[in-house]
PDB file of N, CA and C in Angstrom:
ATOM      1  N   UNK A   1      -2.584   6.920   8.627  1.00  0.00           N
ATOM      2  CA  UNK A   1      -3.254   7.232   7.357  1.00  0.00           C
ATOM      3  C   UNK A   1      -2.881   6.205   6.292  1.00  0.00           C
ATOM      4  N   UNK A   2      -3.526   5.043   6.295  1.00  0.00           N
ATOM      5  CA  UNK A   2      -3.210   3.962   5.352  1.00  0.00           C
ATOM      6  C   UNK A   2      -3.473   4.365   3.920  1.00  0.00           C
ATOM      7  N   UNK A   3      -4.452   5.260   3.697  1.00  0.00           N
ATOM      8  CA  UNK A   3      -4.795   5.669   2.331  1.00  0.00           C
ATOM      9  C   UNK A   3      -3.586   6.275   1.636  1.00  0.00           C
ATOM     10  N   UNK A   4      -2.845   7.120   2.335  1.00  0.00           N
ATOM     11  CA  UNK A   4      -1.661   7.757   1.754  1.00  0.00           C
ATOM     12  C   UNK A   4      -0.640   6.701   1.374  1.00  0.00           C
ATOM     13  N   UNK A   5      -0.470   5.695   2.238  1.00  0.00           N
ATOM     14  CA  UNK A   5       0.506   4.636   1.981  1.00  0.00           C
ATOM     15  C   UNK A   5       0.119   3.837   0.751  1.00  0.00           C
ATOM     16  N   UNK A   6      -1.191   3.758   0.474  1.00  0.00           N
ATOM     17  CA  UNK A   6      -1.655   2.998  -0.685  1.00  0.00           C
ATOM     18  C   UNK A   6      -1.536   3.824  -1.958  1.00  0.00           C
ATOM     19  N   UNK A   7      -1.810   5.116  -1.852  1.00  0.00           N
ATOM     20  CA  UNK A   7      -1.778   5.996  -3.032  1.00  0.00           C
ATOM     21  C   UNK A   7      -0.360   6.158  -3.567  1.00  0.00           C
ATOM     22  N   UNK A   8       0.621   6.285  -2.696  1.00  0.00           N
ATOM     23  CA  UNK A   8       2.011   6.502  -3.115  1.00  0.00           C
ATOM     24  C   UNK A   8       2.504   5.385  -4.041  1.00  0.00           C
ATOM     25  N   UNK A   9       2.378   4.101  -3.653  1.00  0.00           N
ATOM     26  CA  UNK A   9       2.852   3.016  -4.509  1.00  0.00           C
ATOM     27  C   UNK A   9       2.089   2.932  -5.823  1.00  0.00           C
ATOM     28  N   UNK A  10       0.844   3.363  -5.847  1.00  0.00           N
ATOM     29  CA  UNK A  10       0.061   3.334  -7.087  1.00  0.00           C
ATOM     30  C   UNK A  10       0.752   4.187  -8.141  1.00  0.00           C
ATOM     31  N   UNK A  11       1.327   5.299  -7.734  1.00  0.00           N
ATOM     32  CA  UNK A  11       2.040   6.180  -8.653  1.00  0.00           C
ATOM     33  C   UNK A  11       3.322   5.521  -9.147  1.00  0.00           C
ATOM     34  N   UNK A  12       3.980   4.777  -8.247  1.00  0.00           N
ATOM     35  CA  UNK A  12       5.253   4.135  -8.594  1.00  0.00           C
ATOM     36  C   UNK A  12       5.036   2.960  -9.526  1.00  0.00           C
ATOM     37  N   UNK A  13       4.070   2.104  -9.223  1.00  0.00           N
ATOM     38  CA  UNK A  13       3.831   0.942 -10.080  1.00  0.00           C
ATOM     39  C   UNK A  13       2.819   0.002  -9.468  1.00  0.00           C
ATOM     40  N   UNK A  14       2.141  -0.760 -10.322  1.00  0.00           N
ATOM     41  CA  UNK A  14       1.105  -1.664  -9.817  1.00  0.00           C
ATOM     42  C   UNK A  14       1.704  -2.776  -8.969  1.00  0.00           C
ATOM     43  N   UNK A  15       2.913  -3.215  -9.307  1.00  0.00           N
ATOM     44  CA  UNK A  15       3.543  -4.312  -8.559  1.00  0.00           C
ATOM     45  C   UNK A  15       3.733  -3.930  -7.093  1.00  0.00           C
ATOM     46  N   UNK A  16       4.004  -2.644  -6.857  1.00  0.00           N
ATOM     47  CA  UNK A  16       4.222  -2.183  -5.487  1.00  0.00           C
ATOM     48  C   UNK A  16       2.923  -2.184  -4.696  1.00  0.00           C
ATOM     49  N   UNK A  17       1.793  -2.051  -5.396  1.00  0.00           N
ATOM     50  CA  UNK A  17       0.493  -2.020  -4.712  1.00  0.00           C
ATOM     51  C   UNK A  17       0.283  -3.296  -3.916  1.00  0.00           C
ATOM     52  N   UNK A  18       0.617  -4.434  -4.519  1.00  0.00           N
ATOM     53  CA  UNK A  18       0.418  -5.723  -3.846  1.00  0.00           C
ATOM     54  C   UNK A  18       1.204  -5.758  -2.545  1.00  0.00           C
ATOM     55  N   UNK A  19       2.450  -5.306  -2.594  1.00  0.00           N
ATOM     56  CA  UNK A  19       3.285  -5.319  -1.387  1.00  0.00           C
ATOM     57  C   UNK A  19       2.708  -4.377  -0.330  1.00  0.00           C
ATOM     58  N   UNK A  20       2.200  -3.242  -0.776  1.00  0.00           N
ATOM     59  CA  UNK A  20       1.628  -2.272   0.166  1.00  0.00           C
ATOM     60  C   UNK A  20       0.383  -2.830   0.834  1.00  0.00           C
ATOM     61  N   UNK A  21      -0.475  -3.500   0.045  1.00  0.00           N
ATOM     62  CA  UNK A  21      -1.707  -4.085   0.599  1.00  0.00           C
ATOM     63  C   UNK A  21      -1.362  -5.077   1.701  1.00  0.00           C
ATOM     64  N   UNK A  22      -0.374  -5.936   1.431  1.00  0.00           N
ATOM     65  CA  UNK A  22       0.025  -6.917   2.445  1.00  0.00           C
ATOM     66  C   UNK A  22       0.554  -6.203   3.686  1.00  0.00           C
ATOM     67  N   UNK A  23       1.301  -5.124   3.493  1.00  0.00           N
ATOM     68  CA  UNK A  23       1.847  -4.381   4.633  1.00  0.00           C
ATOM     69  C   UNK A  23       0.723  -3.774   5.462  1.00  0.00           C
ATOM     70  N   UNK A  24      -0.291  -3.227   4.791  1.00  0.00           N
ATOM     71  CA  UNK A  24      -1.428  -2.622   5.502  1.00  0.00           C
ATOM     72  C   UNK A  24      -2.203  -3.689   6.251  1.00  0.00           C
ATOM     73  N   UNK A  25      -2.394  -4.849   5.612  1.00  0.00           N
ATOM     74  CA  UNK A  25      -3.137  -5.933   6.260  1.00  0.00           C
ATOM     75  C   UNK A  25      -2.384  -6.413   7.496  1.00  0.00           C
ATOM     76  N   UNK A  26      -1.058  -6.464   7.412  1.00  0.00           N
ATOM     77  CA  UNK A  26      -0.253  -6.919   8.550  1.00  0.00           C
ATOM     78  C   UNK A  26      -0.366  -5.933   9.715  1.00  0.00           C
ATOM     79  N   UNK A  27      -0.418  -4.639   9.396  1.00  0.00           N
ATOM     80  CA  UNK A  27      -0.522  -3.628  10.448  1.00  0.00           C
ATOM     81  C   UNK A  27      -1.914  -3.650  11.055  1.00  0.00           C
ATOM     82  N   UNK A  28      -2.939  -3.889  10.211  1.00  0.00           N
ATOM     83  CA  UNK A  28      -4.329  -3.971  10.684  1.00  0.00           C
ATOM     84  C   UNK A  28      -4.727  -2.737  11.494  1.00  0.00           C
ATOM     85  N   UNK A  29      -4.942  -1.621  10.821  1.00  0.00           N
ATOM     86  CA  UNK A  29      -5.393  -0.411  11.502  1.00  0.00           C
ATOM     87  C   UNK A  29      -6.795  -0.639  11.952  1.00  0.00           C
TER      88      UNK A  29
END
């Protein structure tokens, strides 16, 4: 569920979003 992984960092901070996006792209669901 990549959506959940993206939503969580959005709450923490925008800077974390960038790191999460790269992590999701690396996993490539």
